[in-house]
All heavy atoms as atom14 arrays in JSON, in Angstrom:
{
  "sequence": "GTGVASRDVTPEATRRVLDREIPGIPELVR",
  "atom14_mask": [
    [1, 1, 1, 1, 0, 0, 0, 0, 0, 0, 0, 0, 0, 0],
    [1, 1, 1, 1, 1, 1, 1, 0, 0, 0, 0, 0, 0, 0],
    [1, 1, 1, 1, 0, 0, 0, 0, 0, 0, 0, 0, 0, 0],
    [1, 1, 1, 1, 1, 1, 1, 0, 0, 0, 0, 0, 0, 0],
    [1, 1, 1, 1, 1, 0, 0, 0, 0, 0, 0, 0, 0, 0],
    [1, 1, 1, 1, 1, 1, 0, 0, 0, 0, 0, 0, 0, 0],
    [1, 1, 1, 1, 1, 1, 1, 1, 1, 1, 1, 0, 0, 0],
    [1, 1, 1, 1, 1, 1, 1, 1, 0, 0, 0, 0, 0, 0],
    [1, 1, 1, 1, 1, 1, 1, 0, 0, 0, 0, 0, 0, 0],
    [1, 1, 1, 1, 1, 1, 1, 0, 0, 0, 0, 0, 0, 0],
    [1, 1, 1, 1, 1, 1, 1, 0, 0, 0, 0, 0, 0, 0],
    [1, 1, 1, 1, 1, 1, 1, 1, 1, 0, 0, 0, 0, 0],
    [1, 1, 1, 1, 1, 0, 0, 0, 0, 0, 0, 0, 0, 0],
    [1, 1, 1, 1, 1, 1, 1, 0, 0, 0, 0, 0, 0, 0],
    [1, 1, 1, 1, 1, 1, 1, 1, 1, 1, 1, 0, 0, 0],
    [1, 1, 1, 1, 1, 1, 1, 1, 1, 1, 1, 0, 0, 0],
    [1, 1, 1, 1, 1, 1, 1, 0, 0, 0, 0, 0, 0, 0],
    [1, 1, 1, 1, 1, 1, 1, 1, 0, 0, 0, 0, 0, 0],
    [1, 1, 1, 1, 1, 1, 1, 1, 0, 0, 0, 0, 0, 0],
    [1, 1, 1, 1, 1, 1, 1, 1, 1, 1, 1, 0, 0, 0],
    [1, 1, 1, 1, 1, 1, 1, 1, 1, 0, 0, 0, 0, 0],
    [1, 1, 1, 1, 1, 1, 1, 1, 0, 0, 0, 0, 0, 0],
    [1, 1, 1, 1, 1, 1, 1, 0, 0, 0, 0, 0, 0, 0],
    [1, 1, 1, 1, 0, 0, 0, 0, 0, 0, 0, 0, 0, 0],
    [1, 1, 1, 1, 1, 1, 1, 1, 0, 0, 0, 0, 0, 0],
    [1, 1, 1, 1, 1, 1, 1, 0, 0, 0, 0, 0, 0, 0],
    [1, 1, 1, 1, 1, 1, 1, 1, 1, 0, 0, 0, 0, 0],
    [1, 1, 1, 1, 1, 1, 1, 1, 0, 0, 0, 0, 0, 0],
    [1, 1, 1, 1, 1, 1, 1, 0, 0, 0, 0, 0, 0, 0],
    [1, 1, 1, 1, 1, 1, 1, 1, 1, 1, 1, 0, 0, 0]
  ],
  "atom14_positions": [
    [[1.07, 9.42, 1.02], [1.17, 8.58, 2.2], [1.75, 7.2, 1.98], [1.52, 6.3, 2.78], [0.0, 0.0, 0.0], [0.0, 0.0, 0.0], [0.0, 0.0, 0.0], [0.0, 0.0, 0.0], [0.0, 0.0, 0.0], [0.0, 0.0, 0.0], [0.0, 0.0, 0.0], [0.0, 0.0, 0.0], [0.0, 0.0, 0.0], [0.0, 0.0, 0.0]],
    [[2.53, 7.02, 0.9], [3.06, 5.68, 0.6], [4.54, 5.53, 0.93], [5.11, 4.48, 0.68], [2.85, 5.33, -0.88], [3.55, 6.28, -1.69], [1.37, 5.31, -1.24], [0.0, 0.0, 0.0], [0.0, 0.0, 0.0], [0.0, 0.0, 0.0], [0.0, 0.0, 0.0], [0.0, 0.0, 0.0], [0.0, 0.0, 0.0], [0.0, 0.0, 0.0]],
    [[5.14, 6.57, 1.47], [6.58, 6.54, 1.75], [6.9, 5.92, 3.1], [6.12, 5.15, 3.65], [0.0, 0.0, 0.0], [0.0, 0.0, 0.0], [0.0, 0.0, 0.0], [0.0, 0.0, 0.0], [0.0, 0.0, 0.0], [0.0, 0.0, 0.0], [0.0, 0.0, 0.0], [0.0, 0.0, 0.0], [0.0, 0.0, 0.0], [0.0, 0.0, 0.0]],
    [[8.05, 6.28, 3.63], [8.53, 5.68, 4.88], [8.45, 6.62, 6.08], [8.85, 6.23, 7.18], [9.97, 5.14, 4.72], [10.01, 4.04, 3.67], [10.94, 6.25, 4.36], [0.0, 0.0, 0.0], [0.0, 0.0, 0.0], [0.0, 0.0, 0.0], [0.0, 0.0, 0.0], [0.0, 0.0, 0.0], [0.0, 0.0, 0.0], [0.0, 0.0, 0.0]],
    [[7.93, 7.81, 5.9], [7.79, 8.74, 7.02], [6.74, 8.22, 8.0], [5.86, 7.43, 7.63], [7.4, 10.14, 6.52], [0.0, 0.0, 0.0], [0.0, 0.0, 0.0], [0.0, 0.0, 0.0], [0.0, 0.0, 0.0], [0.0, 0.0, 0.0], [0.0, 0.0, 0.0], [0.0, 0.0, 0.0], [0.0, 0.0, 0.0], [0.0, 0.0, 0.0]],
    [[6.81, 8.66, 9.24], [5.91, 8.14, 10.27], [4.43, 8.42, 9.97], [3.57, 7.64, 10.36], [6.28, 8.7, 11.64], [6.13, 10.11, 11.65], [0.0, 0.0, 0.0], [0.0, 0.0, 0.0], [0.0, 0.0, 0.0], [0.0, 0.0, 0.0], [0.0, 0.0, 0.0], [0.0, 0.0, 0.0], [0.0, 0.0, 0.0], [0.0, 0.0, 0.0]],
    [[4.12, 9.51, 9.26], [2.72, 9.83, 8.94], [2.24, 9.13, 7.67], [1.07, 9.23, 7.31], [2.54, 11.34, 8.78], [2.74, 12.15, 10.03], [1.6, 12.08, 11.01], [0.37, 12.66, 10.5], [-0.83, 12.39, 10.99], [-0.96, 11.55, 11.99], [-1.9, 12.95, 10.49], [0.0, 0.0, 0.0], [0.0, 0.0, 0.0], [0.0, 0.0, 0.0]],
    [[3.1, 8.41, 6.98], [2.73, 7.71, 5.75], [2.06, 6.39, 6.11], [2.72, 5.38, 6.36], [3.96, 7.46, 4.88], [4.52, 8.73, 4.28], [3.77, 9.71, 4.13], [5.72, 8.75, 3.96], [0.0, 0.0, 0.0], [0.0, 0.0, 0.0], [0.0, 0.0, 0.0], [0.0, 0.0, 0.0], [0.0, 0.0, 0.0], [0.0, 0.0, 0.0]],
    [[0.72, 6.4, 6.16], [-0.03, 5.23, 6.61], [-1.02, 4.71, 5.57], [-1.85, 3.85, 5.88], [-0.77, 5.54, 7.94], [0.23, 5.81, 9.06], [-1.74, 6.7, 7.76], [0.0, 0.0, 0.0], [0.0, 0.0, 0.0], [0.0, 0.0, 0.0], [0.0, 0.0, 0.0], [0.0, 0.0, 0.0], [0.0, 0.0, 0.0], [0.0, 0.0, 0.0]],
    [[-0.94, 5.21, 4.36], [-1.88, 4.78, 3.32], [-1.83, 3.27, 3.07], [-2.88, 2.63, 2.99], [-1.66, 5.57, 2.02], [-1.8, 6.97, 2.31], [-2.65, 5.17, 0.95], [0.0, 0.0, 0.0], [0.0, 0.0, 0.0], [0.0, 0.0, 0.0], [0.0, 0.0, 0.0], [0.0, 0.0, 0.0], [0.0, 0.0, 0.0], [0.0, 0.0, 0.0]],
    [[-0.63, 2.66, 2.97], [-0.62, 1.21, 2.75], [-1.27, 0.42, 3.9], [-1.97, -0.57, 3.66], [0.87, 0.87, 2.63], [1.51, 2.15, 2.2], [0.71, 3.22, 2.88], [0.0, 0.0, 0.0], [0.0, 0.0, 0.0], [0.0, 0.0, 0.0], [0.0, 0.0, 0.0], [0.0, 0.0, 0.0], [0.0, 0.0, 0.0], [0.0, 0.0, 0.0]],
    [[-1.05, 0.86, 5.12], [-1.66, 0.17, 6.27], [-3.18, 0.26, 6.21], [-3.89, -0.73, 6.43], [-1.14, 0.75, 7.59], [0.28, 0.38, 7.92], [1.34, 1.15, 7.13], [1.02, 2.17, 6.47], [2.5, 0.72, 7.15], [0.0, 0.0, 0.0], [0.0, 0.0, 0.0], [0.0, 0.0, 0.0], [0.0, 0.0, 0.0], [0.0, 0.0, 0.0]],
    [[-3.69, 1.45, 5.89], [-5.14, 1.64, 5.77], [-5.71, 0.81, 4.63], [-6.77, 0.19, 4.76], [-5.46, 3.12, 5.56], [0.0, 0.0, 0.0], [0.0, 0.0, 0.0], [0.0, 0.0, 0.0], [0.0, 0.0, 0.0], [0.0, 0.0, 0.0], [0.0, 0.0, 0.0], [0.0, 0.0, 0.0], [0.0, 0.0, 0.0], [0.0, 0.0, 0.0]],
    [[-4.99, 0.78, 3.54], [-5.44, 0.03, 2.36], [-5.47, -1.46, 2.66], [-6.45, -2.15, 2.36], [-4.53, 0.34, 1.16], [-4.55, 1.75, 0.9], [-5.0, -0.41, -0.08], [0.0, 0.0, 0.0], [0.0, 0.0, 0.0], [0.0, 0.0, 0.0], [0.0, 0.0, 0.0], [0.0, 0.0, 0.0], [0.0, 0.0, 0.0], [0.0, 0.0, 0.0]],
    [[-4.41, -1.97, 3.26], [-4.34, -3.4, 3.59], [-5.51, -3.82, 4.47], [-6.04, -4.92, 4.33], [-3.01, -3.73, 4.26], [-2.86, -5.22, 4.55], [-1.47, -5.63, 4.96], [-0.64, -5.77, 3.77], [0.49, -5.09, 3.55], [0.93, -4.23, 4.44], [1.18, -5.28, 2.45], [0.0, 0.0, 0.0], [0.0, 0.0, 0.0], [0.0, 0.0, 0.0]],
    [[-5.91, -2.95, 5.38], [-7.03, -3.26, 6.29], [-8.33, -3.51, 5.54], [-9.18, -4.27, 6.03], [-7.25, -2.11, 7.28], [-6.29, -2.11, 8.42], [-6.44, -0.94, 9.36], [-7.8, -0.51, 9.64], [-8.08, 0.6, 10.31], [-7.11, 1.39, 10.75], [-9.33, 0.93, 10.54], [0.0, 0.0, 0.0], [0.0, 0.0, 0.0], [0.0, 0.0, 0.0]],
    [[-8.52, -2.87, 4.4], [-9.82, -2.97, 3.72], [-9.83, -3.89, 2.5], [-10.9, -4.22, 2.0], [-10.35, -1.58, 3.32], [-10.46, -0.67, 4.54], [-9.52, -0.94, 2.24], [0.0, 0.0, 0.0], [0.0, 0.0, 0.0], [0.0, 0.0, 0.0], [0.0, 0.0, 0.0], [0.0, 0.0, 0.0], [0.0, 0.0, 0.0], [0.0, 0.0, 0.0]],
    [[-8.68, -4.3, 2.03], [-8.64, -5.13, 0.83], [-9.18, -6.54, 1.1], [-8.89, -7.13, 2.13], [-7.21, -5.26, 0.3], [-6.57, -4.01, -0.3], [-5.14, -4.33, -0.75], [-7.39, -3.45, -1.45], [0.0, 0.0, 0.0], [0.0, 0.0, 0.0], [0.0, 0.0, 0.0], [0.0, 0.0, 0.0], [0.0, 0.0, 0.0], [0.0, 0.0, 0.0]],
    [[-9.92, -7.06, 0.13], [-10.29, -8.46, 0.14], [-9.12, -9.29, -0.37], [-8.83, -10.36, 0.15], [-11.51, -8.73, -0.75], [-12.77, -8.07, -0.24], [-12.92, -7.92, 0.99], [-13.62, -7.7, -1.07], [0.0, 0.0, 0.0], [0.0, 0.0, 0.0], [0.0, 0.0, 0.0], [0.0, 0.0, 0.0], [0.0, 0.0, 0.0], [0.0, 0.0, 0.0]],
    [[-8.47, -8.77, -1.43], [-7.36, -9.48, -2.05], [-6.33, -8.47, -2.54], [-6.68, -7.47, -3.17], [-7.86, -10.3, -3.25], [-8.89, -11.33, -2.86], [-9.54, -11.93, -4.06], [-8.67, -12.97, -4.6], [-8.91, -13.59, -5.72], [-9.95, -13.28, -6.46], [-8.11, -14.54, -6.15], [0.0, 0.0, 0.0], [0.0, 0.0, 0.0], [0.0, 0.0, 0.0]],
    [[-5.07, -8.75, -2.25], [-4.0, -7.9, -2.78], [-3.66, -8.33, -4.2], [-3.8, -9.5, -4.56], [-2.74, -8.0, -1.9], [-2.85, -7.2, -0.63], [-1.53, -7.07, 0.12], [-0.49, -6.86, -0.53], [-1.57, -7.17, 1.35], [0.0, 0.0, 0.0], [0.0, 0.0, 0.0], [0.0, 0.0, 0.0], [0.0, 0.0, 0.0], [0.0, 0.0, 0.0]],
    [[-3.21, -7.38, -5.0], [-2.71, -7.63, -6.35], [-1.29, -7.07, -6.38], [-1.06, -5.93, -6.79], [-3.6, -6.97, -7.43], [-5.06, -7.37, -7.24], [-3.09, -7.36, -8.82], [-6.03, -6.62, -8.14], [0.0, 0.0, 0.0], [0.0, 0.0, 0.0], [0.0, 0.0, 0.0], [0.0, 0.0, 0.0], [0.0, 0.0, 0.0], [0.0, 0.0, 0.0]],
    [[-0.31, -7.83, -5.9], [1.05, -7.32, -5.73], [1.75, -6.93, -7.03], [2.64, -6.08, -7.01], [1.79, -8.45, -5.02], [0.97, -9.67, -5.21], [-0.44, -9.22, -5.45], [0.0, 0.0, 0.0], [0.0, 0.0, 0.0], [0.0, 0.0, 0.0], [0.0, 0.0, 0.0], [0.0, 0.0, 0.0], [0.0, 0.0, 0.0], [0.0, 0.0, 0.0]],
    [[1.36, -7.51, -8.14], [2.04, -7.2, -9.4], [1.88, -5.75, -9.84], [2.77, -5.2, -10.49], [0.0, 0.0, 0.0], [0.0, 0.0, 0.0], [0.0, 0.0, 0.0], [0.0, 0.0, 0.0], [0.0, 0.0, 0.0], [0.0, 0.0, 0.0], [0.0, 0.0, 0.0], [0.0, 0.0, 0.0], [0.0, 0.0, 0.0], [0.0, 0.0, 0.0]],
    [[0.77, -5.12, -9.46], [0.56, -3.73, -9.88], [1.59, -2.8, -9.23], [2.3, -2.08, -9.93], [-0.89, -3.29, -9.62], [-1.83, -4.04, -10.59], [-1.05, -1.77, -9.77], [-3.31, -3.79, -10.35], [0.0, 0.0, 0.0], [0.0, 0.0, 0.0], [0.0, 0.0, 0.0], [0.0, 0.0, 0.0], [0.0, 0.0, 0.0], [0.0, 0.0, 0.0]],
    [[1.71, -2.77, -7.91], [2.73, -1.88, -7.33], [4.17, -2.3, -7.66], [5.06, -1.46, -7.74], [2.46, -1.91, -5.83], [1.61, -3.09, -5.59], [0.88, -3.38, -6.87], [0.0, 0.0, 0.0], [0.0, 0.0, 0.0], [0.0, 0.0, 0.0], [0.0, 0.0, 0.0], [0.0, 0.0, 0.0], [0.0, 0.0, 0.0], [0.0, 0.0, 0.0]],
    [[4.38, -3.6, -7.87], [5.71, -4.05, -8.28], [6.08, -3.44, -9.63], [7.19, -2.96, -9.83], [5.76, -5.58, -8.36], [5.73, -6.26, -7.02], [5.51, -7.76, -7.11], [5.47, -8.31, -8.23], [5.37, -8.4, -6.05], [0.0, 0.0, 0.0], [0.0, 0.0, 0.0], [0.0, 0.0, 0.0], [0.0, 0.0, 0.0], [0.0, 0.0, 0.0]],
    [[5.12, -3.46, -10.57], [5.35, -2.88, -11.89], [5.59, -1.37, -11.78], [6.49, -0.82, -12.41], [4.16, -3.16, -12.81], [4.24, -2.59, -14.22], [5.41, -3.18, -14.98], [2.92, -2.84, -14.95], [0.0, 0.0, 0.0], [0.0, 0.0, 0.0], [0.0, 0.0, 0.0], [0.0, 0.0, 0.0], [0.0, 0.0, 0.0], [0.0, 0.0, 0.0]],
    [[4.79, -0.7, -10.96], [4.94, 0.75, -10.77], [6.32, 1.08, -10.21], [6.98, 2.01, -10.68], [3.81, 1.3, -9.86], [4.11, 2.73, -9.42], [2.47, 1.22, -10.58], [0.0, 0.0, 0.0], [0.0, 0.0, 0.0], [0.0, 0.0, 0.0], [0.0, 0.0, 0.0], [0.0, 0.0, 0.0], [0.0, 0.0, 0.0], [0.0, 0.0, 0.0]],
    [[6.76, 0.32, -9.21], [8.08, 0.58, -8.63], [9.19, 0.33, -9.66], [10.13, 1.1, -9.77], [8.3, -0.28, -7.39], [7.58, 0.26, -6.15], [7.94, -0.51, -4.89], [7.23, -1.77, -4.78], [6.03, -1.92, -4.23], [5.39, -0.86, -3.75], [5.46, -3.1, -4.16], [0.0, 0.0, 0.0], [0.0, 0.0, 0.0], [0.0, 0.0, 0.0]]
  ]
}
């Protein structure tokens, strides 16, 4: 659910519940 298709909503759901983002982790993965 991390892609760009209309049903890919994992990032939106995750952002809703995070206290703090750690952007370096997904940047490194990409």
